Amino acid sequence: MPAILIHGVPDTHRVWNGVRRRLTRSDVEAWDLPGFGNPRPEGFDAGKQEYVDWLIERLERVGEPVDLVGHDWGCILTARVASVRPDLVRTWAGGNGPISSRYVWHPLAKLWQDPVEGERFMAALDPASFAKDLVDGFDAPAEPVEEMVRHVDDTMKDSILRLYRSAVTMGAEWEPALSKVTAPSLVFWGARDPACPIEFGHELGEALHATRVVTLDSNHWTVLERPAEVAAALEAHWAQGTGR
């Protein structure tokens, strides 16, 4: 019964390295989403529903319910999986990915959703400048963000644009089904997240009847800034949710 960790945007599995080093269990996998350090299948359009379908197919191949964890878009996508295929999820945990009709996309997301400005942004993207913008705009830790941005290639740029443009009304579309999540749930959230305010973490926790909402003294990238605390929260959650 493995634990599966799903990253967000513009991340890869590497965003979980600090958390994984601090976990005591050995059955932990961090997957790369298609287009994010992982080739996109033929005909894969990189919309939000396609990512959910891809996760469901991969999880079905595991053959047993998993401890599913997501951050940022990983939080959004895994919560959707847990709501439509609860049979695949033993426990769920996620953070800094709002699923709410009240949520207003942050400025960078809005730019990516614009068919003209988004293309212009990606065409002119300079890794060093992009990393600095993320560090300054999201109050993010510099070194891991710089490492993260080094892996942003043309496929990831295109995937980001496609994903965000498919998700303009994601909150209103996916929020109602959160009530169908049956897995014991944990929400962890950075209290200083400028893109996804903490109120949406508490709101998600209420929607999922979460056993805990862990508020961390962190920005958006809790898994980079507070890996030990995230790992400890996950292990406590898994122990409680599975009786281990």
Protein backbone atom coordinates (compact mmCIF):
# COMPACT_ATOMS: atom_id res chain seq x y z
CA MET A 1 0.00 0.00 0.00
CA PRO A 2 2.36 2.74 -1.19
CA ALA A 3 2.26 6.47 -0.66
CA ILE A 4 2.10 8.44 -3.91
CA LEU A 5 3.24 12.08 -3.96
CA ILE A 6 2.09 14.40 -6.76
CA HIS A 7 3.77 17.73 -7.49
CA GLY A 8 2.34 21.03 -8.71
CA VAL A 9 3.35 23.77 -11.17
CA PRO A 10 6.05 24.45 -12.30
CA ASP A 11 7.44 21.48 -10.39
CA THR A 12 8.57 17.89 -10.91
CA HIS A 13 8.96 14.98 -8.49
CA ARG A 14 12.06 16.77 -7.15
CA VAL A 15 9.90 19.13 -5.12
CA TRP A 16 9.29 16.22 -2.72
CA ASN A 17 12.95 15.33 -2.15
CA GLY A 18 13.21 17.05 1.22
CA VAL A 19 10.00 15.49 2.48
CA ARG A 20 10.94 12.01 1.26
CA ARG A 21 14.30 12.12 3.03
CA ARG A 22 12.47 12.66 6.30
CA LEU A 23 9.89 9.90 5.94
CA THR A 24 10.54 6.61 7.72
CA ARG A 25 8.55 4.40 5.35
CA SER A 26 10.20 2.98 2.24
CA ASP A 27 7.14 2.54 0.02
CA VAL A 28 6.96 6.16 -1.16
CA GLU A 29 6.84 7.17 -4.82
CA ALA A 30 6.86 10.67 -6.31
CA TRP A 31 5.42 10.72 -9.82
CA ASP A 32 6.05 13.22 -12.60
CA LEU A 33 2.90 14.37 -14.37
CA PRO A 34 2.92 14.22 -18.18
CA GLY A 35 4.78 17.22 -19.55
CA PHE A 36 6.54 17.84 -16.25
CA GLY A 37 9.73 15.83 -16.58
CA ASN A 38 7.63 13.02 -18.05
CA PRO A 39 6.75 12.69 -21.76
CA ARG A 40 3.19 13.49 -22.73
CA PRO A 41 1.35 10.52 -24.26
CA GLU A 42 0.37 10.81 -27.91
CA GLY A 43 -2.68 13.06 -28.20
CA PHE A 44 -2.51 14.19 -24.56
CA ASP A 45 -3.94 17.73 -24.45
CA ALA A 46 -2.79 18.52 -20.89
CA GLY A 47 -6.18 19.72 -19.65
CA LYS A 48 -7.24 19.26 -16.05
CA GLN A 49 -9.51 16.29 -16.75
CA GLU A 50 -6.81 14.51 -18.74
CA TYR A 51 -4.47 14.76 -15.77
CA VAL A 52 -7.14 13.29 -13.52
CA ASP A 53 -7.73 10.47 -15.99
CA TRP A 54 -3.98 9.81 -16.22
CA LEU A 55 -3.70 9.61 -12.42
CA ILE A 56 -6.67 7.27 -12.20
CA GLU A 57 -5.16 4.94 -14.80
CA ARG A 58 -1.80 4.90 -13.00
CA LEU A 59 -3.43 4.29 -9.63
CA GLU A 60 -5.54 1.45 -11.01
CA ARG A 61 -2.29 -0.24 -12.02
CA VAL A 62 -1.01 -0.09 -8.43
CA GLY A 63 -3.67 -2.64 -7.57
CA GLU A 64 -4.57 -1.44 -4.09
CA PRO A 65 -5.70 1.80 -2.42
CA VAL A 66 -2.84 4.21 -1.79
CA ASP A 67 -1.94 7.03 0.57
CA LEU A 68 -2.32 9.89 -1.91
CA VAL A 69 -0.61 13.24 -1.36
CA GLY A 70 -0.51 16.40 -3.46
CA HIS A 71 0.82 19.94 -3.35
CA ASP A 72 -0.37 22.91 -5.42
CA TRP A 73 -1.90 21.43 -8.59
CA GLY A 74 -1.06 18.03 -7.15
CA CYS A 75 -3.44 18.86 -4.30
CA ILE A 76 -6.19 19.86 -6.71
CA LEU A 77 -5.81 16.85 -8.99
CA THR A 78 -5.51 14.26 -6.21
CA ALA A 79 -8.51 15.66 -4.36
CA ARG A 80 -10.47 15.30 -7.58
CA VAL A 81 -9.32 11.70 -7.90
CA ALA A 82 -10.36 11.03 -4.31
CA SER A 83 -13.79 12.51 -5.01
CA VAL A 84 -14.53 10.54 -8.19
CA ARG A 85 -12.66 7.29 -7.40
CA PRO A 86 -12.65 6.89 -3.62
CA ASP A 87 -11.91 3.19 -4.06
CA LEU A 88 -8.36 4.08 -5.15
CA VAL A 89 -7.48 6.16 -2.09
CA ARG A 90 -6.79 4.84 1.41
CA THR A 91 -5.86 8.24 2.86
CA TRP A 92 -5.54 11.66 1.26
CA ALA A 93 -3.40 14.67 2.13
CA GLY A 94 -2.81 17.90 0.26
CA GLY A 95 -1.99 21.54 0.51
CA ASN A 96 -1.81 24.93 -1.14
CA GLY A 97 -4.21 24.00 -3.92
CA PRO A 98 -7.62 25.67 -3.52
CA ILE A 99 -10.77 24.08 -4.89
CA SER A 100 -13.38 26.75 -4.35
CA SER A 101 -15.86 28.74 -6.40
CA ARG A 102 -14.77 31.78 -4.36
CA TYR A 103 -11.11 31.49 -5.28
CA VAL A 104 -9.75 34.10 -7.69
CA TRP A 105 -6.73 32.99 -9.69
CA HIS A 106 -3.49 34.76 -8.80
CA PRO A 107 -1.97 37.23 -11.32
CA LEU A 108 0.53 34.80 -12.84
CA ALA A 109 -2.21 32.21 -13.41
CA LYS A 110 -4.39 34.83 -15.08
CA LEU A 111 -1.50 35.75 -17.34
CA TRP A 112 -1.02 32.09 -18.34
CA GLN A 113 -4.73 31.79 -19.02
CA ASP A 114 -4.58 34.66 -21.50
CA PRO A 115 -4.00 33.18 -25.01
CA VAL A 116 -1.81 36.11 -26.08
CA GLU A 117 0.03 37.13 -22.93
CA GLY A 118 0.60 33.55 -21.83
CA GLU A 119 2.36 32.62 -25.07
CA ARG A 120 4.40 35.81 -24.91
CA PHE A 121 5.43 35.09 -21.32
CA MET A 122 6.60 31.57 -22.10
CA ALA A 123 8.43 32.59 -25.28
CA ALA A 124 10.44 35.19 -23.36
CA LEU A 125 10.93 33.12 -20.19
CA ASP A 126 14.44 33.34 -18.78
CA PRO A 127 15.06 30.79 -16.00
CA ALA A 128 17.05 33.15 -13.77
CA SER A 129 14.48 35.95 -14.06
CA PHE A 130 11.57 33.54 -13.59
CA ALA A 131 13.16 32.11 -10.46
CA LYS A 132 13.68 35.62 -9.08
CA ASP A 133 10.04 36.50 -9.81
CA LEU A 134 8.86 33.41 -7.93
CA VAL A 135 11.17 34.09 -5.00
CA ASP A 136 10.07 37.73 -4.79
CA GLY A 137 6.40 37.31 -5.64
CA PHE A 138 5.74 34.16 -3.61
CA ASP A 139 8.25 34.76 -0.80
CA ALA A 140 9.79 31.43 -1.80
CA PRO A 141 13.20 29.98 -0.82
CA ALA A 142 15.73 30.89 -3.50
CA GLU A 143 17.97 27.85 -3.90
CA PRO A 144 15.28 25.16 -4.34
CA VAL A 145 13.22 27.44 -6.57
CA GLU A 146 16.23 28.05 -8.81
CA GLU A 147 16.74 24.29 -9.04
CA MET A 148 13.03 23.81 -9.81
CA VAL A 149 13.05 26.34 -12.64
CA ARG A 150 16.07 24.68 -14.29
CA HIS A 151 13.75 21.86 -15.36
CA VAL A 152 11.19 24.07 -17.10
CA ASP A 153 11.46 23.10 -20.77
CA ASP A 154 9.28 23.83 -23.80
CA THR A 155 7.00 20.86 -23.11
CA MET A 156 6.41 22.02 -19.54
CA LYS A 157 5.72 25.57 -20.69
CA ASP A 158 3.08 24.33 -23.12
CA SER A 159 1.60 21.98 -20.52
CA ILE A 160 1.29 24.79 -17.98
CA LEU A 161 -0.58 26.98 -20.45
CA ARG A 162 -2.93 24.17 -21.45
CA LEU A 163 -3.62 23.17 -17.86
CA TYR A 164 -4.38 26.68 -16.64
CA ARG A 165 -6.57 27.48 -19.63
CA SER A 166 -8.63 24.37 -18.95
CA ALA A 167 -9.16 25.42 -15.35
CA VAL A 168 -10.63 28.92 -15.43
CA THR A 169 -13.80 27.69 -13.67
CA MET A 170 -12.26 24.64 -11.98
CA GLY A 171 -13.33 25.68 -8.49
CA ALA A 172 -17.01 25.92 -9.33
CA GLU A 173 -16.84 22.69 -11.35
CA TRP A 174 -15.01 20.50 -8.85
CA GLU A 175 -15.97 21.90 -5.45
CA PRO A 176 -19.37 20.14 -5.16
CA ALA A 177 -17.86 16.65 -5.48
CA LEU A 178 -15.50 17.17 -2.51
CA SER A 179 -18.31 15.88 -0.31
CA LYS A 180 -17.84 12.45 -1.95
CA VAL A 181 -14.31 12.02 -0.59
CA THR A 182 -14.40 9.17 1.94
CA ALA A 183 -10.69 8.77 2.69
CA PRO A 184 -9.37 10.19 5.97
CA SER A 185 -8.00 13.57 4.94
CA LEU A 186 -5.27 15.96 6.05
CA VAL A 187 -4.78 19.51 4.81
CA PHE A 188 -1.40 21.25 5.22
CA TRP A 189 -1.03 24.88 4.15
CA GLY A 190 1.43 27.73 4.25
CA ALA A 191 0.03 30.56 6.36
CA ARG A 192 1.90 33.15 4.27
CA ASP A 193 0.88 31.86 0.84
CA PRO A 194 0.23 34.96 -1.29
CA ALA A 195 -1.27 32.98 -4.18
CA CYS A 196 -3.58 30.64 -2.24
CA PRO A 197 -4.55 32.30 1.06
CA ILE A 198 -4.86 30.16 4.17
CA GLU A 199 -8.63 30.68 4.31
CA PHE A 200 -8.93 28.31 1.36
CA GLY A 201 -6.98 25.68 3.28
CA HIS A 202 -9.50 25.84 6.11
CA GLU A 203 -12.34 25.81 3.60
CA LEU A 204 -10.93 22.70 1.92
CA GLY A 205 -10.53 21.04 5.30
CA GLU A 206 -14.17 21.69 6.13
CA ALA A 207 -15.35 20.39 2.76
CA LEU A 208 -13.39 17.17 3.24
CA HIS A 209 -14.18 16.81 6.96
CA ALA A 210 -10.41 16.62 7.40
CA THR A 211 -9.01 15.14 10.56
CA ARG A 212 -6.53 18.05 10.72
CA VAL A 213 -5.67 21.30 9.00
CA VAL A 214 -1.98 21.93 9.66
CA THR A 215 -1.00 25.59 9.30
CA LEU A 216 2.71 26.05 8.66
CA ASP A 217 4.81 29.19 9.00
CA SER A 218 5.60 29.08 5.31
CA ASN A 219 4.88 30.52 1.90
CA HIS A 220 3.29 28.61 -0.97
CA TRP A 221 5.99 25.92 -1.20
CA THR A 222 5.55 24.25 2.19
CA VAL A 223 7.28 21.13 0.92
CA LEU A 224 10.44 23.12 0.18
CA GLU A 225 10.48 25.41 3.20
CA ARG A 226 9.09 23.08 5.88
CA PRO A 227 9.84 19.53 4.70
CA ALA A 228 10.37 18.12 8.19
CA GLU A 229 7.04 19.46 9.42
CA VAL A 230 5.21 18.21 6.33
CA ALA A 231 6.80 14.77 6.73
CA ALA A 232 5.85 14.61 10.41
CA ALA A 233 2.26 15.62 9.65
CA LEU A 234 2.02 12.98 6.93
CA GLU A 235 3.37 10.19 9.10
CA ALA A 236 0.99 11.08 11.95
CA HIS A 237 -1.88 11.19 9.46
CA TRP A 238 -1.02 7.82 7.94
CA ALA A 239 -0.70 6.23 11.37
CA GLN A 240 -4.07 7.57 12.43
CA GLY A 241 -5.81 6.84 9.15
CA THR A 242 -4.60 3.27 8.80
CA GLY A 243 -4.29 2.22 12.42
CA ARG A 244 -0.57 1.47 12.03
